[in-house]
Amino acid sequence: VPMADAYRDIVFTGGQVNVGFIPLW
């Protein structure tokens, strides 16, 4: 389960902040 694109995969999907995972991480 590696990440590829930090922005599009997880941090800013669709241009929006992932407030579910990023603070948890």
PDBML (XML) file of the C-alpha atoms, coordinates in Angstrom:
<?xml version="1.0" encoding="UTF-8" ?>
<PDBx:datablock datablockName="MODEL"
   xmlns:PDBx="http://pdbml.pdb.org/schema/pdbx-v50.xsd"
   xmlns:xsi="http://www.w3.org/2001/XMLSchema-instance"
   xsi:schemaLocation="http://pdbml.pdb.org/schema/pdbx-v50.xsd pdbx-v50.xsd">
   <PDBx:atom_siteCategory>
      <PDBx:atom_site id="1">
         <PDBx:B_iso_or_equiv>0.00</PDBx:B_iso_or_equiv>
         <PDBx:Cartn_x>0.000</PDBx:Cartn_x>
         <PDBx:Cartn_y>0.000</PDBx:Cartn_y>
         <PDBx:Cartn_z>0.000</PDBx:Cartn_z>
         <PDBx:auth_asym_id>A</PDBx:auth_asym_id>
         <PDBx:auth_atom_id>CA</PDBx:auth_atom_id>
         <PDBx:auth_comp_id>VAL</PDBx:auth_comp_id>
         <PDBx:auth_seq_id>1</PDBx:auth_seq_id>
         <PDBx:group_PDB>ATOM</PDBx:group_PDB>
         <PDBx:label_alt_id xsi:nil="true" />
         <PDBx:label_asym_id>A</PDBx:label_asym_id>
         <PDBx:label_atom_id>CA</PDBx:label_atom_id>
         <PDBx:label_comp_id>VAL</PDBx:label_comp_id>
         <PDBx:label_entity_id>1</PDBx:label_entity_id>
         <PDBx:label_seq_id>1</PDBx:label_seq_id>
         <PDBx:occupancy>1.00</PDBx:occupancy>
         <PDBx:pdbx_PDB_model_num>1</PDBx:pdbx_PDB_model_num>
         <PDBx:type_symbol>C</PDBx:type_symbol>
      </PDBx:atom_site>
      <PDBx:atom_site id="2">
         <PDBx:B_iso_or_equiv>0.00</PDBx:B_iso_or_equiv>
         <PDBx:Cartn_x>2.386</PDBx:Cartn_x>
         <PDBx:Cartn_y>2.754</PDBx:Cartn_y>
         <PDBx:Cartn_z>-1.155</PDBx:Cartn_z>
         <PDBx:auth_asym_id>A</PDBx:auth_asym_id>
         <PDBx:auth_atom_id>CA</PDBx:auth_atom_id>
         <PDBx:auth_comp_id>PRO</PDBx:auth_comp_id>
         <PDBx:auth_seq_id>2</PDBx:auth_seq_id>
         <PDBx:group_PDB>ATOM</PDBx:group_PDB>
         <PDBx:label_alt_id xsi:nil="true" />
         <PDBx:label_asym_id>A</PDBx:label_asym_id>
         <PDBx:label_atom_id>CA</PDBx:label_atom_id>
         <PDBx:label_comp_id>PRO</PDBx:label_comp_id>
         <PDBx:label_entity_id>1</PDBx:label_entity_id>
         <PDBx:label_seq_id>2</PDBx:label_seq_id>
         <PDBx:occupancy>1.00</PDBx:occupancy>
         <PDBx:pdbx_PDB_model_num>1</PDBx:pdbx_PDB_model_num>
         <PDBx:type_symbol>C</PDBx:type_symbol>
      </PDBx:atom_site>
      <PDBx:atom_site id="3">
         <PDBx:B_iso_or_equiv>0.00</PDBx:B_iso_or_equiv>
         <PDBx:Cartn_x>1.309</PDBx:Cartn_x>
         <PDBx:Cartn_y>6.277</PDBx:Cartn_y>
         <PDBx:Cartn_z>-2.070</PDBx:Cartn_z>
         <PDBx:auth_asym_id>A</PDBx:auth_asym_id>
         <PDBx:auth_atom_id>CA</PDBx:auth_atom_id>
         <PDBx:auth_comp_id>MET</PDBx:auth_comp_id>
         <PDBx:auth_seq_id>3</PDBx:auth_seq_id>
         <PDBx:group_PDB>ATOM</PDBx:group_PDB>
         <PDBx:label_alt_id xsi:nil="true" />
         <PDBx:label_asym_id>A</PDBx:label_asym_id>
         <PDBx:label_atom_id>CA</PDBx:label_atom_id>
         <PDBx:label_comp_id>MET</PDBx:label_comp_id>
         <PDBx:label_entity_id>1</PDBx:label_entity_id>
         <PDBx:label_seq_id>3</PDBx:label_seq_id>
         <PDBx:occupancy>1.00</PDBx:occupancy>
         <PDBx:pdbx_PDB_model_num>1</PDBx:pdbx_PDB_model_num>
         <PDBx:type_symbol>C</PDBx:type_symbol>
      </PDBx:atom_site>
      <PDBx:atom_site id="4">
         <PDBx:B_iso_or_equiv>0.00</PDBx:B_iso_or_equiv>
         <PDBx:Cartn_x>1.971</PDBx:Cartn_x>
         <PDBx:Cartn_y>7.585</PDBx:Cartn_y>
         <PDBx:Cartn_z>-5.575</PDBx:Cartn_z>
         <PDBx:auth_asym_id>A</PDBx:auth_asym_id>
         <PDBx:auth_atom_id>CA</PDBx:auth_atom_id>
         <PDBx:auth_comp_id>ALA</PDBx:auth_comp_id>
         <PDBx:auth_seq_id>4</PDBx:auth_seq_id>
         <PDBx:group_PDB>ATOM</PDBx:group_PDB>
         <PDBx:label_alt_id xsi:nil="true" />
         <PDBx:label_asym_id>A</PDBx:label_asym_id>
         <PDBx:label_atom_id>CA</PDBx:label_atom_id>
         <PDBx:label_comp_id>ALA</PDBx:label_comp_id>
         <PDBx:label_entity_id>1</PDBx:label_entity_id>
         <PDBx:label_seq_id>4</PDBx:label_seq_id>
         <PDBx:occupancy>1.00</PDBx:occupancy>
         <PDBx:pdbx_PDB_model_num>1</PDBx:pdbx_PDB_model_num>
         <PDBx:type_symbol>C</PDBx:type_symbol>
      </PDBx:atom_site>
      <PDBx:atom_site id="5">
         <PDBx:B_iso_or_equiv>0.00</PDBx:B_iso_or_equiv>
         <PDBx:Cartn_x>0.789</PDBx:Cartn_x>
         <PDBx:Cartn_y>11.211</PDBx:Cartn_y>
         <PDBx:Cartn_z>-5.847</PDBx:Cartn_z>
         <PDBx:auth_asym_id>A</PDBx:auth_asym_id>
         <PDBx:auth_atom_id>CA</PDBx:auth_atom_id>
         <PDBx:auth_comp_id>ASP</PDBx:auth_comp_id>
         <PDBx:auth_seq_id>5</PDBx:auth_seq_id>
         <PDBx:group_PDB>ATOM</PDBx:group_PDB>
         <PDBx:label_alt_id xsi:nil="true" />
         <PDBx:label_asym_id>A</PDBx:label_asym_id>
         <PDBx:label_atom_id>CA</PDBx:label_atom_id>
         <PDBx:label_comp_id>ASP</PDBx:label_comp_id>
         <PDBx:label_entity_id>1</PDBx:label_entity_id>
         <PDBx:label_seq_id>5</PDBx:label_seq_id>
         <PDBx:occupancy>1.00</PDBx:occupancy>
         <PDBx:pdbx_PDB_model_num>1</PDBx:pdbx_PDB_model_num>
         <PDBx:type_symbol>C</PDBx:type_symbol>
      </PDBx:atom_site>
      <PDBx:atom_site id="6">
         <PDBx:B_iso_or_equiv>0.00</PDBx:B_iso_or_equiv>
         <PDBx:Cartn_x>0.637</PDBx:Cartn_x>
         <PDBx:Cartn_y>12.943</PDBx:Cartn_y>
         <PDBx:Cartn_z>-2.458</PDBx:Cartn_z>
         <PDBx:auth_asym_id>A</PDBx:auth_asym_id>
         <PDBx:auth_atom_id>CA</PDBx:auth_atom_id>
         <PDBx:auth_comp_id>ALA</PDBx:auth_comp_id>
         <PDBx:auth_seq_id>6</PDBx:auth_seq_id>
         <PDBx:group_PDB>ATOM</PDBx:group_PDB>
         <PDBx:label_alt_id xsi:nil="true" />
         <PDBx:label_asym_id>A</PDBx:label_asym_id>
         <PDBx:label_atom_id>CA</PDBx:label_atom_id>
         <PDBx:label_comp_id>ALA</PDBx:label_comp_id>
         <PDBx:label_entity_id>1</PDBx:label_entity_id>
         <PDBx:label_seq_id>6</PDBx:label_seq_id>
         <PDBx:occupancy>1.00</PDBx:occupancy>
         <PDBx:pdbx_PDB_model_num>1</PDBx:pdbx_PDB_model_num>
         <PDBx:type_symbol>C</PDBx:type_symbol>
      </PDBx:atom_site>
      <PDBx:atom_site id="7">
         <PDBx:B_iso_or_equiv>0.00</PDBx:B_iso_or_equiv>
         <PDBx:Cartn_x>-1.643</PDBx:Cartn_x>
         <PDBx:Cartn_y>15.713</PDBx:Cartn_y>
         <PDBx:Cartn_z>-3.676</PDBx:Cartn_z>
         <PDBx:auth_asym_id>A</PDBx:auth_asym_id>
         <PDBx:auth_atom_id>CA</PDBx:auth_atom_id>
         <PDBx:auth_comp_id>TYR</PDBx:auth_comp_id>
         <PDBx:auth_seq_id>7</PDBx:auth_seq_id>
         <PDBx:group_PDB>ATOM</PDBx:group_PDB>
         <PDBx:label_alt_id xsi:nil="true" />
         <PDBx:label_asym_id>A</PDBx:label_asym_id>
         <PDBx:label_atom_id>CA</PDBx:label_atom_id>
         <PDBx:label_comp_id>TYR</PDBx:label_comp_id>
         <PDBx:label_entity_id>1</PDBx:label_entity_id>
         <PDBx:label_seq_id>7</PDBx:label_seq_id>
         <PDBx:occupancy>1.00</PDBx:occupancy>
         <PDBx:pdbx_PDB_model_num>1</PDBx:pdbx_PDB_model_num>
         <PDBx:type_symbol>C</PDBx:type_symbol>
      </PDBx:atom_site>
      <PDBx:atom_site id="8">
         <PDBx:B_iso_or_equiv>0.00</PDBx:B_iso_or_equiv>
         <PDBx:Cartn_x>-4.148</PDBx:Cartn_x>
         <PDBx:Cartn_y>13.738</PDBx:Cartn_y>
         <PDBx:Cartn_z>-5.758</PDBx:Cartn_z>
         <PDBx:auth_asym_id>A</PDBx:auth_asym_id>
         <PDBx:auth_atom_id>CA</PDBx:auth_atom_id>
         <PDBx:auth_comp_id>ARG</PDBx:auth_comp_id>
         <PDBx:auth_seq_id>8</PDBx:auth_seq_id>
         <PDBx:group_PDB>ATOM</PDBx:group_PDB>
         <PDBx:label_alt_id xsi:nil="true" />
         <PDBx:label_asym_id>A</PDBx:label_asym_id>
         <PDBx:label_atom_id>CA</PDBx:label_atom_id>
         <PDBx:label_comp_id>ARG</PDBx:label_comp_id>
         <PDBx:label_entity_id>1</PDBx:label_entity_id>
         <PDBx:label_seq_id>8</PDBx:label_seq_id>
         <PDBx:occupancy>1.00</PDBx:occupancy>
         <PDBx:pdbx_PDB_model_num>1</PDBx:pdbx_PDB_model_num>
         <PDBx:type_symbol>C</PDBx:type_symbol>
      </PDBx:atom_site>
      <PDBx:atom_site id="9">
         <PDBx:B_iso_or_equiv>0.00</PDBx:B_iso_or_equiv>
         <PDBx:Cartn_x>-4.103</PDBx:Cartn_x>
         <PDBx:Cartn_y>10.395</PDBx:Cartn_y>
         <PDBx:Cartn_z>-3.951</PDBx:Cartn_z>
         <PDBx:auth_asym_id>A</PDBx:auth_asym_id>
         <PDBx:auth_atom_id>CA</PDBx:auth_atom_id>
         <PDBx:auth_comp_id>ASP</PDBx:auth_comp_id>
         <PDBx:auth_seq_id>9</PDBx:auth_seq_id>
         <PDBx:group_PDB>ATOM</PDBx:group_PDB>
         <PDBx:label_alt_id xsi:nil="true" />
         <PDBx:label_asym_id>A</PDBx:label_asym_id>
         <PDBx:label_atom_id>CA</PDBx:label_atom_id>
         <PDBx:label_comp_id>ASP</PDBx:label_comp_id>
         <PDBx:label_entity_id>1</PDBx:label_entity_id>
         <PDBx:label_seq_id>9</PDBx:label_seq_id>
         <PDBx:occupancy>1.00</PDBx:occupancy>
         <PDBx:pdbx_PDB_model_num>1</PDBx:pdbx_PDB_model_num>
         <PDBx:type_symbol>C</PDBx:type_symbol>
      </PDBx:atom_site>
      <PDBx:atom_site id="10">
         <PDBx:B_iso_or_equiv>0.00</PDBx:B_iso_or_equiv>
         <PDBx:Cartn_x>-4.655</PDBx:Cartn_x>
         <PDBx:Cartn_y>11.556</PDBx:Cartn_y>
         <PDBx:Cartn_z>-0.428</PDBx:Cartn_z>
         <PDBx:auth_asym_id>A</PDBx:auth_asym_id>
         <PDBx:auth_atom_id>CA</PDBx:auth_atom_id>
         <PDBx:auth_comp_id>ILE</PDBx:auth_comp_id>
         <PDBx:auth_seq_id>10</PDBx:auth_seq_id>
         <PDBx:group_PDB>ATOM</PDBx:group_PDB>
         <PDBx:label_alt_id xsi:nil="true" />
         <PDBx:label_asym_id>A</PDBx:label_asym_id>
         <PDBx:label_atom_id>CA</PDBx:label_atom_id>
         <PDBx:label_comp_id>ILE</PDBx:label_comp_id>
         <PDBx:label_entity_id>1</PDBx:label_entity_id>
         <PDBx:label_seq_id>10</PDBx:label_seq_id>
         <PDBx:occupancy>1.00</PDBx:occupancy>
         <PDBx:pdbx_PDB_model_num>1</PDBx:pdbx_PDB_model_num>
         <PDBx:type_symbol>C</PDBx:type_symbol>
      </PDBx:atom_site>
      <PDBx:atom_site id="11">
         <PDBx:B_iso_or_equiv>0.00</PDBx:B_iso_or_equiv>
         <PDBx:Cartn_x>-3.950</PDBx:Cartn_x>
         <PDBx:Cartn_y>15.107</PDBx:Cartn_y>
         <PDBx:Cartn_z>0.758</PDBx:Cartn_z>
         <PDBx:auth_asym_id>A</PDBx:auth_asym_id>
         <PDBx:auth_atom_id>CA</PDBx:auth_atom_id>
         <PDBx:auth_comp_id>VAL</PDBx:auth_comp_id>
         <PDBx:auth_seq_id>11</PDBx:auth_seq_id>
         <PDBx:group_PDB>ATOM</PDBx:group_PDB>
         <PDBx:label_alt_id xsi:nil="true" />
         <PDBx:label_asym_id>A</PDBx:label_asym_id>
         <PDBx:label_atom_id>CA</PDBx:label_atom_id>
         <PDBx:label_comp_id>VAL</PDBx:label_comp_id>
         <PDBx:label_entity_id>1</PDBx:label_entity_id>
         <PDBx:label_seq_id>11</PDBx:label_seq_id>
         <PDBx:occupancy>1.00</PDBx:occupancy>
         <PDBx:pdbx_PDB_model_num>1</PDBx:pdbx_PDB_model_num>
         <PDBx:type_symbol>C</PDBx:type_symbol>
      </PDBx:atom_site>
      <PDBx:atom_site id="12">
         <PDBx:B_iso_or_equiv>0.00</PDBx:B_iso_or_equiv>
         <PDBx:Cartn_x>-6.082</PDBx:Cartn_x>
         <PDBx:Cartn_y>17.144</PDBx:Cartn_y>
         <PDBx:Cartn_z>-1.664</PDBx:Cartn_z>
         <PDBx:auth_asym_id>A</PDBx:auth_asym_id>
         <PDBx:auth_atom_id>CA</PDBx:auth_atom_id>
         <PDBx:auth_comp_id>PHE</PDBx:auth_comp_id>
         <PDBx:auth_seq_id>12</PDBx:auth_seq_id>
         <PDBx:group_PDB>ATOM</PDBx:group_PDB>
         <PDBx:label_alt_id xsi:nil="true" />
         <PDBx:label_asym_id>A</PDBx:label_asym_id>
         <PDBx:label_atom_id>CA</PDBx:label_atom_id>
         <PDBx:label_comp_id>PHE</PDBx:label_comp_id>
         <PDBx:label_entity_id>1</PDBx:label_entity_id>
         <PDBx:label_seq_id>12</PDBx:label_seq_id>
         <PDBx:occupancy>1.00</PDBx:occupancy>
         <PDBx:pdbx_PDB_model_num>1</PDBx:pdbx_PDB_model_num>
         <PDBx:type_symbol>C</PDBx:type_symbol>
      </PDBx:atom_site>
      <PDBx:atom_site id="13">
         <PDBx:B_iso_or_equiv>0.00</PDBx:B_iso_or_equiv>
         <PDBx:Cartn_x>-8.429</PDBx:Cartn_x>
         <PDBx:Cartn_y>14.819</PDBx:Cartn_y>
         <PDBx:Cartn_z>-3.527</PDBx:Cartn_z>
         <PDBx:auth_asym_id>A</PDBx:auth_asym_id>
         <PDBx:auth_atom_id>CA</PDBx:auth_atom_id>
         <PDBx:auth_comp_id>THR</PDBx:auth_comp_id>
         <PDBx:auth_seq_id>13</PDBx:auth_seq_id>
         <PDBx:group_PDB>ATOM</PDBx:group_PDB>
         <PDBx:label_alt_id xsi:nil="true" />
         <PDBx:label_asym_id>A</PDBx:label_asym_id>
         <PDBx:label_atom_id>CA</PDBx:label_atom_id>
         <PDBx:label_comp_id>THR</PDBx:label_comp_id>
         <PDBx:label_entity_id>1</PDBx:label_entity_id>
         <PDBx:label_seq_id>13</PDBx:label_seq_id>
         <PDBx:occupancy>1.00</PDBx:occupancy>
         <PDBx:pdbx_PDB_model_num>1</PDBx:pdbx_PDB_model_num>
         <PDBx:type_symbol>C</PDBx:type_symbol>
      </PDBx:atom_site>
      <PDBx:atom_site id="14">
         <PDBx:B_iso_or_equiv>0.00</PDBx:B_iso_or_equiv>
         <PDBx:Cartn_x>-10.386</PDBx:Cartn_x>
         <PDBx:Cartn_y>16.950</PDBx:Cartn_y>
         <PDBx:Cartn_z>-5.974</PDBx:Cartn_z>
         <PDBx:auth_asym_id>A</PDBx:auth_asym_id>
         <PDBx:auth_atom_id>CA</PDBx:auth_atom_id>
         <PDBx:auth_comp_id>GLY</PDBx:auth_comp_id>
         <PDBx:auth_seq_id>14</PDBx:auth_seq_id>
         <PDBx:group_PDB>ATOM</PDBx:group_PDB>
         <PDBx:label_alt_id xsi:nil="true" />
         <PDBx:label_asym_id>A</PDBx:label_asym_id>
         <PDBx:label_atom_id>CA</PDBx:label_atom_id>
         <PDBx:label_comp_id>GLY</PDBx:label_comp_id>
         <PDBx:label_entity_id>1</PDBx:label_entity_id>
         <PDBx:label_seq_id>14</PDBx:label_seq_id>
         <PDBx:occupancy>1.00</PDBx:occupancy>
         <PDBx:pdbx_PDB_model_num>1</PDBx:pdbx_PDB_model_num>
         <PDBx:type_symbol>C</PDBx:type_symbol>
      </PDBx:atom_site>
      <PDBx:atom_site id="15">
         <PDBx:B_iso_or_equiv>0.00</PDBx:B_iso_or_equiv>
         <PDBx:Cartn_x>-8.689</PDBx:Cartn_x>
         <PDBx:Cartn_y>20.056</PDBx:Cartn_y>
         <PDBx:Cartn_z>-4.573</PDBx:Cartn_z>
         <PDBx:auth_asym_id>A</PDBx:auth_asym_id>
         <PDBx:auth_atom_id>CA</PDBx:auth_atom_id>
         <PDBx:auth_comp_id>GLY</PDBx:auth_comp_id>
         <PDBx:auth_seq_id>15</PDBx:auth_seq_id>
         <PDBx:group_PDB>ATOM</PDBx:group_PDB>
         <PDBx:label_alt_id xsi:nil="true" />
         <PDBx:label_asym_id>A</PDBx:label_asym_id>
         <PDBx:label_atom_id>CA</PDBx:label_atom_id>
         <PDBx:label_comp_id>GLY</PDBx:label_comp_id>
         <PDBx:label_entity_id>1</PDBx:label_entity_id>
         <PDBx:label_seq_id>15</PDBx:label_seq_id>
         <PDBx:occupancy>1.00</PDBx:occupancy>
         <PDBx:pdbx_PDB_model_num>1</PDBx:pdbx_PDB_model_num>
         <PDBx:type_symbol>C</PDBx:type_symbol>
      </PDBx:atom_site>
      <PDBx:atom_site id="16">
         <PDBx:B_iso_or_equiv>0.00</PDBx:B_iso_or_equiv>
         <PDBx:Cartn_x>-10.067</PDBx:Cartn_x>
         <PDBx:Cartn_y>19.507</PDBx:Cartn_y>
         <PDBx:Cartn_z>-1.054</PDBx:Cartn_z>
         <PDBx:auth_asym_id>A</PDBx:auth_asym_id>
         <PDBx:auth_atom_id>CA</PDBx:auth_atom_id>
         <PDBx:auth_comp_id>GLN</PDBx:auth_comp_id>
         <PDBx:auth_seq_id>16</PDBx:auth_seq_id>
         <PDBx:group_PDB>ATOM</PDBx:group_PDB>
         <PDBx:label_alt_id xsi:nil="true" />
         <PDBx:label_asym_id>A</PDBx:label_asym_id>
         <PDBx:label_atom_id>CA</PDBx:label_atom_id>
         <PDBx:label_comp_id>GLN</PDBx:label_comp_id>
         <PDBx:label_entity_id>1</PDBx:label_entity_id>
         <PDBx:label_seq_id>16</PDBx:label_seq_id>
         <PDBx:occupancy>1.00</PDBx:occupancy>
         <PDBx:pdbx_PDB_model_num>1</PDBx:pdbx_PDB_model_num>
         <PDBx:type_symbol>C</PDBx:type_symbol>
      </PDBx:atom_site>
      <PDBx:atom_site id="17">
         <PDBx:B_iso_or_equiv>0.00</PDBx:B_iso_or_equiv>
         <PDBx:Cartn_x>-8.222</PDBx:Cartn_x>
         <PDBx:Cartn_y>18.860</PDBx:Cartn_y>
         <PDBx:Cartn_z>2.214</PDBx:Cartn_z>
         <PDBx:auth_asym_id>A</PDBx:auth_asym_id>
         <PDBx:auth_atom_id>CA</PDBx:auth_atom_id>
         <PDBx:auth_comp_id>VAL</PDBx:auth_comp_id>
         <PDBx:auth_seq_id>17</PDBx:auth_seq_id>
         <PDBx:group_PDB>ATOM</PDBx:group_PDB>
         <PDBx:label_alt_id xsi:nil="true" />
         <PDBx:label_asym_id>A</PDBx:label_asym_id>
         <PDBx:label_atom_id>CA</PDBx:label_atom_id>
         <PDBx:label_comp_id>VAL</PDBx:label_comp_id>
         <PDBx:label_entity_id>1</PDBx:label_entity_id>
         <PDBx:label_seq_id>17</PDBx:label_seq_id>
         <PDBx:occupancy>1.00</PDBx:occupancy>
         <PDBx:pdbx_PDB_model_num>1</PDBx:pdbx_PDB_model_num>
         <PDBx:type_symbol>C</PDBx:type_symbol>
      </PDBx:atom_site>
      <PDBx:atom_site id="18">
         <PDBx:B_iso_or_equiv>0.00</PDBx:B_iso_or_equiv>
         <PDBx:Cartn_x>-8.506</PDBx:Cartn_x>
         <PDBx:Cartn_y>15.301</PDBx:Cartn_y>
         <PDBx:Cartn_z>3.519</PDBx:Cartn_z>
         <PDBx:auth_asym_id>A</PDBx:auth_asym_id>
         <PDBx:auth_atom_id>CA</PDBx:auth_atom_id>
         <PDBx:auth_comp_id>ASN</PDBx:auth_comp_id>
         <PDBx:auth_seq_id>18</PDBx:auth_seq_id>
         <PDBx:group_PDB>ATOM</PDBx:group_PDB>
         <PDBx:label_alt_id xsi:nil="true" />
         <PDBx:label_asym_id>A</PDBx:label_asym_id>
         <PDBx:label_atom_id>CA</PDBx:label_atom_id>
         <PDBx:label_comp_id>ASN</PDBx:label_comp_id>
         <PDBx:label_entity_id>1</PDBx:label_entity_id>
         <PDBx:label_seq_id>18</PDBx:label_seq_id>
         <PDBx:occupancy>1.00</PDBx:occupancy>
         <PDBx:pdbx_PDB_model_num>1</PDBx:pdbx_PDB_model_num>
         <PDBx:type_symbol>C</PDBx:type_symbol>
      </PDBx:atom_site>
      <PDBx:atom_site id="19">
         <PDBx:B_iso_or_equiv>0.00</PDBx:B_iso_or_equiv>
         <PDBx:Cartn_x>-9.544</PDBx:Cartn_x>
         <PDBx:Cartn_y>16.107</PDBx:Cartn_y>
         <PDBx:Cartn_z>7.078</PDBx:Cartn_z>
         <PDBx:auth_asym_id>A</PDBx:auth_asym_id>
         <PDBx:auth_atom_id>CA</PDBx:auth_atom_id>
         <PDBx:auth_comp_id>VAL</PDBx:auth_comp_id>
         <PDBx:auth_seq_id>19</PDBx:auth_seq_id>
         <PDBx:group_PDB>ATOM</PDBx:group_PDB>
         <PDBx:label_alt_id xsi:nil="true" />
         <PDBx:label_asym_id>A</PDBx:label_asym_id>
         <PDBx:label_atom_id>CA</PDBx:label_atom_id>
         <PDBx:label_comp_id>VAL</PDBx:label_comp_id>
         <PDBx:label_entity_id>1</PDBx:label_entity_id>
         <PDBx:label_seq_id>19</PDBx:label_seq_id>
         <PDBx:occupancy>1.00</PDBx:occupancy>
         <PDBx:pdbx_PDB_model_num>1</PDBx:pdbx_PDB_model_num>
         <PDBx:type_symbol>C</PDBx:type_symbol>
      </PDBx:atom_site>
      <PDBx:atom_site id="20">
         <PDBx:B_iso_or_equiv>0.00</PDBx:B_iso_or_equiv>
         <PDBx:Cartn_x>-10.194</PDBx:Cartn_x>
         <PDBx:Cartn_y>12.442</PDBx:Cartn_y>
         <PDBx:Cartn_z>7.839</PDBx:Cartn_z>
         <PDBx:auth_asym_id>A</PDBx:auth_asym_id>
         <PDBx:auth_atom_id>CA</PDBx:auth_atom_id>
         <PDBx:auth_comp_id>GLY</PDBx:auth_comp_id>
         <PDBx:auth_seq_id>20</PDBx:auth_seq_id>
         <PDBx:group_PDB>ATOM</PDBx:group_PDB>
         <PDBx:label_alt_id xsi:nil="true" />
         <PDBx:label_asym_id>A</PDBx:label_asym_id>
         <PDBx:label_atom_id>CA</PDBx:label_atom_id>
         <PDBx:label_comp_id>GLY</PDBx:label_comp_id>
         <PDBx:label_entity_id>1</PDBx:label_entity_id>
         <PDBx:label_seq_id>20</PDBx:label_seq_id>
         <PDBx:occupancy>1.00</PDBx:occupancy>
         <PDBx:pdbx_PDB_model_num>1</PDBx:pdbx_PDB_model_num>
         <PDBx:type_symbol>C</PDBx:type_symbol>
      </PDBx:atom_site>
      <PDBx:atom_site id="21">
         <PDBx:B_iso_or_equiv>0.00</PDBx:B_iso_or_equiv>
         <PDBx:Cartn_x>-6.735</PDBx:Cartn_x>
         <PDBx:Cartn_y>10.967</PDBx:Cartn_y>
         <PDBx:Cartn_z>7.360</PDBx:Cartn_z>
         <PDBx:auth_asym_id>A</PDBx:auth_asym_id>
         <PDBx:auth_atom_id>CA</PDBx:auth_atom_id>
         <PDBx:auth_comp_id>PHE</PDBx:auth_comp_id>
         <PDBx:auth_seq_id>21</PDBx:auth_seq_id>
         <PDBx:group_PDB>ATOM</PDBx:group_PDB>
         <PDBx:label_alt_id xsi:nil="true" />
         <PDBx:label_asym_id>A</PDBx:label_asym_id>
         <PDBx:label_atom_id>CA</PDBx:label_atom_id>
         <PDBx:label_comp_id>PHE</PDBx:label_comp_id>
         <PDBx:label_entity_id>1</PDBx:label_entity_id>
         <PDBx:label_seq_id>21</PDBx:label_seq_id>
         <PDBx:occupancy>1.00</PDBx:occupancy>
         <PDBx:pdbx_PDB_model_num>1</PDBx:pdbx_PDB_model_num>
         <PDBx:type_symbol>C</PDBx:type_symbol>
      </PDBx:atom_site>
      <PDBx:atom_site id="22">
         <PDBx:B_iso_or_equiv>0.00</PDBx:B_iso_or_equiv>
         <PDBx:Cartn_x>-4.132</PDBx:Cartn_x>
         <PDBx:Cartn_y>13.742</PDBx:Cartn_y>
         <PDBx:Cartn_z>7.439</PDBx:Cartn_z>
         <PDBx:auth_asym_id>A</PDBx:auth_asym_id>
         <PDBx:auth_atom_id>CA</PDBx:auth_atom_id>
         <PDBx:auth_comp_id>ILE</PDBx:auth_comp_id>
         <PDBx:auth_seq_id>22</PDBx:auth_seq_id>
         <PDBx:group_PDB>ATOM</PDBx:group_PDB>
         <PDBx:label_alt_id xsi:nil="true" />
         <PDBx:label_asym_id>A</PDBx:label_asym_id>
         <PDBx:label_atom_id>CA</PDBx:label_atom_id>
         <PDBx:label_comp_id>ILE</PDBx:label_comp_id>
         <PDBx:label_entity_id>1</PDBx:label_entity_id>
         <PDBx:label_seq_id>22</PDBx:label_seq_id>
         <PDBx:occupancy>1.00</PDBx:occupancy>
         <PDBx:pdbx_PDB_model_num>1</PDBx:pdbx_PDB_model_num>
         <PDBx:type_symbol>C</PDBx:type_symbol>
      </PDBx:atom_site>
      <PDBx:atom_site id="23">
         <PDBx:B_iso_or_equiv>0.00</PDBx:B_iso_or_equiv>
         <PDBx:Cartn_x>-4.620</PDBx:Cartn_x>
         <PDBx:Cartn_y>14.910</PDBx:Cartn_y>
         <PDBx:Cartn_z>11.069</PDBx:Cartn_z>
         <PDBx:auth_asym_id>A</PDBx:auth_asym_id>
         <PDBx:auth_atom_id>CA</PDBx:auth_atom_id>
         <PDBx:auth_comp_id>PRO</PDBx:auth_comp_id>
         <PDBx:auth_seq_id>23</PDBx:auth_seq_id>
         <PDBx:group_PDB>ATOM</PDBx:group_PDB>
         <PDBx:label_alt_id xsi:nil="true" />
         <PDBx:label_asym_id>A</PDBx:label_asym_id>
         <PDBx:label_atom_id>CA</PDBx:label_atom_id>
         <PDBx:label_comp_id>PRO</PDBx:label_comp_id>
         <PDBx:label_entity_id>1</PDBx:label_entity_id>
         <PDBx:label_seq_id>23</PDBx:label_seq_id>
         <PDBx:occupancy>1.00</PDBx:occupancy>
         <PDBx:pdbx_PDB_model_num>1</PDBx:pdbx_PDB_model_num>
         <PDBx:type_symbol>C</PDBx:type_symbol>
      </PDBx:atom_site>
      <PDBx:atom_site id="24">
         <PDBx:B_iso_or_equiv>0.00</PDBx:B_iso_or_equiv>
         <PDBx:Cartn_x>-4.797</PDBx:Cartn_x>
         <PDBx:Cartn_y>11.250</PDBx:Cartn_y>
         <PDBx:Cartn_z>12.163</PDBx:Cartn_z>
         <PDBx:auth_asym_id>A</PDBx:auth_asym_id>
         <PDBx:auth_atom_id>CA</PDBx:auth_atom_id>
         <PDBx:auth_comp_id>LEU</PDBx:auth_comp_id>
         <PDBx:auth_seq_id>24</PDBx:auth_seq_id>
         <PDBx:group_PDB>ATOM</PDBx:group_PDB>
         <PDBx:label_alt_id xsi:nil="true" />
         <PDBx:label_asym_id>A</PDBx:label_asym_id>
         <PDBx:label_atom_id>CA</PDBx:label_atom_id>
         <PDBx:label_comp_id>LEU</PDBx:label_comp_id>
         <PDBx:label_entity_id>1</PDBx:label_entity_id>
         <PDBx:label_seq_id>24</PDBx:label_seq_id>
         <PDBx:occupancy>1.00</PDBx:occupancy>
         <PDBx:pdbx_PDB_model_num>1</PDBx:pdbx_PDB_model_num>
         <PDBx:type_symbol>C</PDBx:type_symbol>
      </PDBx:atom_site>
      <PDBx:atom_site id="25">
         <PDBx:B_iso_or_equiv>0.00</PDBx:B_iso_or_equiv>
         <PDBx:Cartn_x>-1.545</PDBx:Cartn_x>
         <PDBx:Cartn_y>10.494</PDBx:Cartn_y>
         <PDBx:Cartn_z>10.341</PDBx:Cartn_z>
         <PDBx:auth_asym_id>A</PDBx:auth_asym_id>
         <PDBx:auth_atom_id>CA</PDBx:auth_atom_id>
         <PDBx:auth_comp_id>TRP</PDBx:auth_comp_id>
         <PDBx:auth_seq_id>25</PDBx:auth_seq_id>
         <PDBx:group_PDB>ATOM</PDBx:group_PDB>
         <PDBx:label_alt_id xsi:nil="true" />
         <PDBx:label_asym_id>A</PDBx:label_asym_id>
         <PDBx:label_atom_id>CA</PDBx:label_atom_id>
         <PDBx:label_comp_id>TRP</PDBx:label_comp_id>
         <PDBx:label_entity_id>1</PDBx:label_entity_id>
         <PDBx:label_seq_id>25</PDBx:label_seq_id>
         <PDBx:occupancy>1.00</PDBx:occupancy>
         <PDBx:pdbx_PDB_model_num>1</PDBx:pdbx_PDB_model_num>
         <PDBx:type_symbol>C</PDBx:type_symbol>
      </PDBx:atom_site>
   </PDBx:atom_siteCategory>
</PDBx:datablock>
